[in-house]
């Protein structure tokens, strides 16, 4: 497995650990459909949360959140709708993002609620 793939999987697990520590219940991981993939689907206090995880080994090429462009947000909205269509309607839905920067200095986890 390529280093990038290992870093990505490690970042997703760190995001799951972060979310569960905050009281989120994880409903789905790496859910796929013809439109793409949702990294994490979770539930927090009655709200279904689609979580995009971006992991980097540093910020030399920009902060992980820089990769969440308007095009990516539009795709996440379509993916969230597809997940809801498959799993049933939800009362409340939001999209969060978790950035992981993991390097020799340590790991930093940032969580932004309702990015879209």
N, C-alpha and C. Protein backbone atom coordinates (compact mmCIF):
# COMPACT_ATOMS: atom_id res chain seq x y z
N UNK A 1 0.85 -1.18 0.00
CA UNK A 1 0.00 0.00 0.00
C UNK A 1 0.90 1.25 0.00
N UNK A 2 0.54 2.21 -0.81
CA UNK A 2 1.33 3.43 -0.94
C UNK A 2 1.26 4.25 0.36
N UNK A 3 2.32 5.00 0.62
CA UNK A 3 2.39 5.83 1.83
C UNK A 3 1.18 6.76 1.94
N UNK A 4 0.79 7.33 0.79
CA UNK A 4 -0.37 8.24 0.77
C UNK A 4 -1.64 7.53 1.24
N UNK A 5 -1.83 6.28 0.79
CA UNK A 5 -3.01 5.51 1.19
C UNK A 5 -2.99 5.19 2.68
N UNK A 6 -1.81 4.83 3.19
CA UNK A 6 -1.67 4.54 4.62
C UNK A 6 -1.98 5.80 5.43
N UNK A 7 -1.46 6.94 4.98
CA UNK A 7 -1.71 8.20 5.67
C UNK A 7 -3.21 8.53 5.66
N UNK A 8 -3.87 8.31 4.52
CA UNK A 8 -5.30 8.58 4.42
C UNK A 8 -6.12 7.71 5.35
N UNK A 9 -5.80 6.42 5.40
CA UNK A 9 -6.54 5.51 6.29
C UNK A 9 -6.30 5.85 7.75
N UNK A 10 -5.06 6.20 8.06
CA UNK A 10 -4.73 6.60 9.43
C UNK A 10 -5.51 7.87 9.80
N UNK A 11 -5.56 8.81 8.88
CA UNK A 11 -6.30 10.05 9.12
C UNK A 11 -7.78 9.81 9.34
N UNK A 12 -8.37 8.91 8.55
CA UNK A 12 -9.79 8.60 8.73
C UNK A 12 -10.04 7.96 10.09
N UNK A 13 -9.14 7.09 10.54
CA UNK A 13 -9.31 6.49 11.86
C UNK A 13 -9.16 7.54 12.96
N UNK A 14 -8.22 8.45 12.80
CA UNK A 14 -8.07 9.54 13.78
C UNK A 14 -9.33 10.41 13.81
N UNK A 15 -9.94 10.64 12.65
CA UNK A 15 -11.19 11.41 12.59
C UNK A 15 -12.31 10.67 13.30
N UNK A 16 -12.41 9.35 13.08
CA UNK A 16 -13.42 8.55 13.78
C UNK A 16 -13.20 8.62 15.29
N UNK A 17 -11.96 8.48 15.71
CA UNK A 17 -11.65 8.56 17.15
C UNK A 17 -12.04 9.92 17.72
N UNK A 18 -11.75 10.98 16.98
CA UNK A 18 -12.11 12.34 17.40
C UNK A 18 -13.62 12.49 17.53
N UNK A 19 -14.34 12.03 16.50
CA UNK A 19 -15.80 12.18 16.50
C UNK A 19 -16.44 11.36 17.62
N UNK A 20 -15.99 10.14 17.82
CA UNK A 20 -16.59 9.31 18.87
C UNK A 20 -16.29 9.89 20.25
N UNK A 21 -15.11 10.50 20.41
CA UNK A 21 -14.78 11.15 21.69
C UNK A 21 -15.72 12.32 21.96
N UNK A 22 -16.25 12.93 20.89
CA UNK A 22 -17.20 14.03 21.04
C UNK A 22 -18.64 13.54 21.20
N UNK A 23 -18.83 12.23 21.14
CA UNK A 23 -20.17 11.67 21.32
C UNK A 23 -20.90 11.33 20.04
N UNK A 24 -20.25 11.44 18.90
CA UNK A 24 -20.87 11.07 17.63
C UNK A 24 -20.98 9.55 17.57
N UNK A 25 -22.05 9.06 16.95
CA UNK A 25 -22.18 7.64 16.65
C UNK A 25 -21.84 7.48 15.17
N UNK A 26 -20.93 6.57 14.86
CA UNK A 26 -20.52 6.35 13.47
C UNK A 26 -21.53 5.41 12.82
N UNK A 27 -22.14 5.86 11.73
CA UNK A 27 -23.14 5.07 11.00
C UNK A 27 -22.54 4.34 9.81
N UNK A 28 -21.57 4.97 9.16
CA UNK A 28 -21.01 4.41 7.94
C UNK A 28 -19.61 4.95 7.73
N UNK A 29 -18.77 4.12 7.10
CA UNK A 29 -17.42 4.56 6.73
C UNK A 29 -17.18 4.14 5.28
N UNK A 30 -16.58 5.05 4.53
CA UNK A 30 -16.24 4.79 3.13
C UNK A 30 -17.43 4.28 2.32
N UNK A 31 -18.58 4.95 2.51
CA UNK A 31 -19.79 4.59 1.76
C UNK A 31 -19.61 5.04 0.32
N UNK A 32 -19.89 4.13 -0.60
CA UNK A 32 -19.70 4.42 -2.03
C UNK A 32 -21.00 4.26 -2.82
N UNK A 33 -21.09 5.08 -3.84
CA UNK A 33 -22.15 4.95 -4.84
C UNK A 33 -21.57 5.42 -6.16
N UNK A 34 -22.38 5.50 -7.19
CA UNK A 34 -21.87 5.89 -8.51
C UNK A 34 -21.34 7.33 -8.53
N UNK A 35 -21.75 8.15 -7.57
CA UNK A 35 -21.32 9.55 -7.52
C UNK A 35 -19.96 9.73 -6.84
N UNK A 36 -19.54 8.74 -6.06
CA UNK A 36 -18.28 8.87 -5.33
C UNK A 36 -18.35 8.21 -3.97
N UNK A 37 -17.63 8.77 -3.03
CA UNK A 37 -17.50 8.17 -1.71
C UNK A 37 -17.65 9.21 -0.61
N UNK A 38 -18.33 8.81 0.46
CA UNK A 38 -18.41 9.60 1.68
C UNK A 38 -17.45 8.95 2.68
N UNK A 39 -16.57 9.74 3.26
CA UNK A 39 -15.60 9.18 4.21
C UNK A 39 -16.28 8.63 5.45
N UNK A 40 -17.11 9.46 6.08
CA UNK A 40 -17.77 9.06 7.33
C UNK A 40 -19.19 9.63 7.33
N UNK A 41 -20.14 8.81 7.78
CA UNK A 41 -21.48 9.30 8.09
C UNK A 41 -21.68 9.01 9.57
N UNK A 42 -22.09 10.04 10.30
CA UNK A 42 -22.24 9.90 11.75
C UNK A 42 -23.54 10.53 12.20
N UNK A 43 -23.83 10.36 13.46
CA UNK A 43 -25.05 10.95 14.05
C UNK A 43 -24.63 11.67 15.31
N UNK A 44 -25.10 12.91 15.44
CA UNK A 44 -24.84 13.70 16.64
C UNK A 44 -26.13 14.37 17.06
N UNK A 45 -26.63 13.98 18.23
CA UNK A 45 -27.79 14.63 18.82
C UNK A 45 -28.93 14.83 17.82
N UNK A 46 -29.31 13.80 17.10
CA UNK A 46 -30.44 13.88 16.19
C UNK A 46 -30.10 14.39 14.81
N UNK A 47 -28.86 14.73 14.56
CA UNK A 47 -28.45 15.23 13.25
C UNK A 47 -27.57 14.19 12.57
N UNK A 48 -27.87 13.91 11.31
CA UNK A 48 -27.01 13.06 10.50
C UNK A 48 -25.92 13.94 9.92
N UNK A 49 -24.68 13.50 10.05
CA UNK A 49 -23.53 14.32 9.66
C UNK A 49 -22.67 13.56 8.65
N UNK A 50 -22.51 14.14 7.48
CA UNK A 50 -21.59 13.63 6.47
C UNK A 50 -20.26 14.33 6.73
N UNK A 51 -19.20 13.52 6.88
CA UNK A 51 -17.90 14.09 7.26
C UNK A 51 -16.88 13.82 6.16
N UNK A 52 -16.28 14.88 5.66
CA UNK A 52 -15.18 14.79 4.72
C UNK A 52 -13.88 14.89 5.52
N UNK A 53 -12.99 13.94 5.30
CA UNK A 53 -11.72 13.91 6.01
C UNK A 53 -10.60 14.20 5.02
N UNK A 54 -9.75 15.14 5.37
CA UNK A 54 -8.58 15.47 4.56
C UNK A 54 -7.35 15.32 5.45
N UNK A 55 -6.41 14.49 5.01
CA UNK A 55 -5.21 14.22 5.79
C UNK A 55 -3.98 14.60 4.99
N UNK A 56 -3.05 15.24 5.66
CA UNK A 56 -1.79 15.62 5.03
C UNK A 56 -0.64 15.32 5.98
N UNK A 57 0.52 15.14 5.41
CA UNK A 57 1.73 14.92 6.19
C UNK A 57 2.43 16.23 6.51
N UNK A 58 1.83 17.32 6.17
CA UNK A 58 2.38 18.66 6.43
C UNK A 58 1.53 19.67 5.68
N UNK A 59 1.92 20.92 5.77
CA UNK A 59 1.15 21.97 5.10
C UNK A 59 1.95 22.64 3.98
N UNK A 60 2.97 21.95 3.51
CA UNK A 60 3.80 22.49 2.43
C UNK A 60 3.02 22.76 1.16
N UNK A 61 1.97 21.99 0.93
CA UNK A 61 1.12 22.18 -0.25
C UNK A 61 -0.22 22.80 0.13
N UNK A 62 -0.28 23.42 1.29
CA UNK A 62 -1.50 24.05 1.75
C UNK A 62 -2.16 23.25 2.86
N UNK A 63 -3.06 23.90 3.54
CA UNK A 63 -3.80 23.26 4.62
C UNK A 63 -4.78 22.24 4.03
N UNK A 64 -5.06 21.15 4.73
CA UNK A 64 -6.01 20.16 4.21
C UNK A 64 -7.35 20.75 3.82
N UNK A 65 -7.84 21.74 4.56
CA UNK A 65 -9.14 22.34 4.23
C UNK A 65 -9.12 23.05 2.88
N UNK A 66 -7.92 23.42 2.39
CA UNK A 66 -7.83 24.07 1.09
C UNK A 66 -8.34 23.17 -0.03
N UNK A 67 -8.31 21.85 0.20
CA UNK A 67 -8.75 20.90 -0.82
C UNK A 67 -10.27 20.77 -0.89
N UNK A 68 -10.97 21.41 0.03
CA UNK A 68 -12.43 21.34 0.02
C UNK A 68 -12.94 22.58 -0.73
N UNK A 69 -13.03 22.42 -2.01
CA UNK A 69 -13.39 23.50 -2.93
C UNK A 69 -14.91 23.57 -3.09
N UNK A 70 -15.42 24.62 -3.71
CA UNK A 70 -16.86 24.66 -4.00
C UNK A 70 -17.34 23.46 -4.82
N UNK A 71 -16.52 22.99 -5.74
CA UNK A 71 -16.87 21.81 -6.54
C UNK A 71 -16.98 20.58 -5.62
N UNK A 72 -16.03 20.43 -4.70
CA UNK A 72 -16.05 19.31 -3.76
C UNK A 72 -17.28 19.40 -2.86
N UNK A 73 -17.61 20.60 -2.39
CA UNK A 73 -18.80 20.78 -1.54
C UNK A 73 -20.08 20.40 -2.28
N UNK A 74 -20.17 20.78 -3.55
CA UNK A 74 -21.35 20.42 -4.34
C UNK A 74 -21.45 18.90 -4.48
N UNK A 75 -20.32 18.25 -4.68
CA UNK A 75 -20.31 16.79 -4.78
C UNK A 75 -20.72 16.15 -3.45
N UNK A 76 -20.24 16.71 -2.34
CA UNK A 76 -20.62 16.19 -1.02
C UNK A 76 -22.12 16.32 -0.79
N UNK A 77 -22.71 17.42 -1.25
CA UNK A 77 -24.16 17.59 -1.12
C UNK A 77 -24.91 16.51 -1.89
N UNK A 78 -24.45 16.23 -3.12
CA UNK A 78 -25.08 15.18 -3.94
C UNK A 78 -24.90 13.80 -3.29
N UNK A 79 -23.71 13.55 -2.76
CA UNK A 79 -23.46 12.28 -2.07
C UNK A 79 -24.33 12.14 -0.83
N UNK A 80 -24.48 13.22 -0.07
CA UNK A 80 -25.33 13.18 1.13
C UNK A 80 -26.77 12.86 0.75
N UNK A 81 -27.25 13.46 -0.34
CA UNK A 81 -28.61 13.17 -0.80
C UNK A 81 -28.74 11.71 -1.22
N UNK A 82 -27.72 11.17 -1.87
CA UNK A 82 -27.75 9.77 -2.30
C UNK A 82 -27.75 8.84 -1.09
N UNK A 83 -26.95 9.18 -0.07
CA UNK A 83 -26.92 8.35 1.14
C UNK A 83 -28.30 8.35 1.80
N UNK A 84 -28.91 9.52 1.90
CA UNK A 84 -30.24 9.63 2.51
C UNK A 84 -31.28 8.86 1.69
N UNK A 85 -31.17 8.91 0.37
CA UNK A 85 -32.12 8.18 -0.48
C UNK A 85 -32.01 6.67 -0.24
N UNK A 86 -30.81 6.19 0.01
CA UNK A 86 -30.60 4.76 0.24
C UNK A 86 -30.97 4.34 1.67
N UNK A 87 -30.75 5.21 2.63
CA UNK A 87 -30.93 4.84 4.04
C UNK A 87 -32.19 5.40 4.68
N UNK A 88 -32.96 6.13 3.92
CA UNK A 88 -34.20 6.69 4.46
C UNK A 88 -34.03 8.15 4.79
N UNK A 89 -35.13 8.86 4.87
CA UNK A 89 -35.05 10.30 5.13
C UNK A 89 -34.50 10.58 6.52
N UNK A 90 -33.88 11.75 6.64
CA UNK A 90 -33.36 12.19 7.93
C UNK A 90 -34.00 13.52 8.27
N UNK A 91 -34.13 13.78 9.56
CA UNK A 91 -34.74 15.03 10.00
C UNK A 91 -33.81 16.23 9.81
N UNK A 92 -32.53 16.01 10.11
CA UNK A 92 -31.57 17.11 10.05
C UNK A 92 -30.27 16.56 9.49
N UNK A 93 -29.66 17.30 8.57
CA UNK A 93 -28.45 16.85 7.90
C UNK A 93 -27.47 18.00 7.80
N UNK A 94 -26.19 17.70 8.04
CA UNK A 94 -25.17 18.72 7.82
C UNK A 94 -23.90 18.05 7.31
N UNK A 95 -23.01 18.87 6.78
CA UNK A 95 -21.73 18.39 6.28
C UNK A 95 -20.62 19.05 7.09
N UNK A 96 -19.77 18.22 7.69
CA UNK A 96 -18.62 18.68 8.46
C UNK A 96 -17.35 18.30 7.73
N UNK A 97 -16.25 18.90 8.14
CA UNK A 97 -14.94 18.54 7.61
C UNK A 97 -13.97 18.35 8.77
N UNK A 98 -13.12 17.35 8.64
CA UNK A 98 -12.06 17.13 9.62
C UNK A 98 -10.74 17.14 8.86
N UNK A 99 -9.82 17.97 9.34
CA UNK A 99 -8.48 18.05 8.77
C UNK A 99 -7.51 17.40 9.75
N UNK A 100 -6.63 16.57 9.21
CA UNK A 100 -5.60 15.92 9.99
C UNK A 100 -4.26 16.30 9.38
N UNK A 101 -3.38 16.85 10.20
CA UNK A 101 -2.00 17.08 9.79
C UNK A 101 -1.14 16.22 10.71
N UNK A 102 -0.51 15.23 10.12
CA UNK A 102 0.31 14.28 10.89
C UNK A 102 1.73 14.30 10.34
N UNK A 103 2.65 14.71 11.18
CA UNK A 103 4.06 14.70 10.77
C UNK A 103 4.93 14.39 11.99
N UNK A 104 6.23 14.53 11.84
CA UNK A 104 7.12 14.15 12.95
C UNK A 104 6.95 15.01 14.19
N UNK A 105 6.28 16.15 14.04
CA UNK A 105 6.03 17.02 15.19
C UNK A 105 4.78 16.60 15.97
N UNK A 106 3.99 15.69 15.40
CA UNK A 106 2.77 15.23 16.07
C UNK A 106 1.59 15.24 15.13
N UNK A 107 0.41 15.19 15.73
CA UNK A 107 -0.83 15.14 14.97
C UNK A 107 -1.73 16.28 15.43
N UNK A 108 -2.29 16.98 14.47
CA UNK A 108 -3.25 18.05 14.76
C UNK A 108 -4.56 17.67 14.07
N UNK A 109 -5.65 17.68 14.85
CA UNK A 109 -6.98 17.38 14.32
C UNK A 109 -7.82 18.65 14.43
N UNK A 110 -8.38 19.08 13.31
CA UNK A 110 -9.28 20.24 13.30
C UNK A 110 -10.62 19.79 12.75
N UNK A 111 -11.69 20.25 13.39
CA UNK A 111 -13.04 19.85 13.00
C UNK A 111 -13.86 21.12 12.79
N UNK A 112 -14.39 21.26 11.59
CA UNK A 112 -15.27 22.39 11.27
C UNK A 112 -16.65 21.84 11.01
N UNK A 113 -17.62 22.34 11.76
CA UNK A 113 -19.01 21.90 11.59
C UNK A 113 -19.68 22.75 10.51
N UNK A 114 -20.56 22.10 9.80
CA UNK A 114 -21.40 22.74 8.78
C UNK A 114 -20.59 23.55 7.77
N UNK A 115 -19.78 22.84 7.01
CA UNK A 115 -19.02 23.50 5.96
C UNK A 115 -19.88 23.75 4.73
N UNK A 116 -21.00 23.03 4.64
CA UNK A 116 -21.91 23.23 3.51
C UNK A 116 -23.33 23.04 3.96
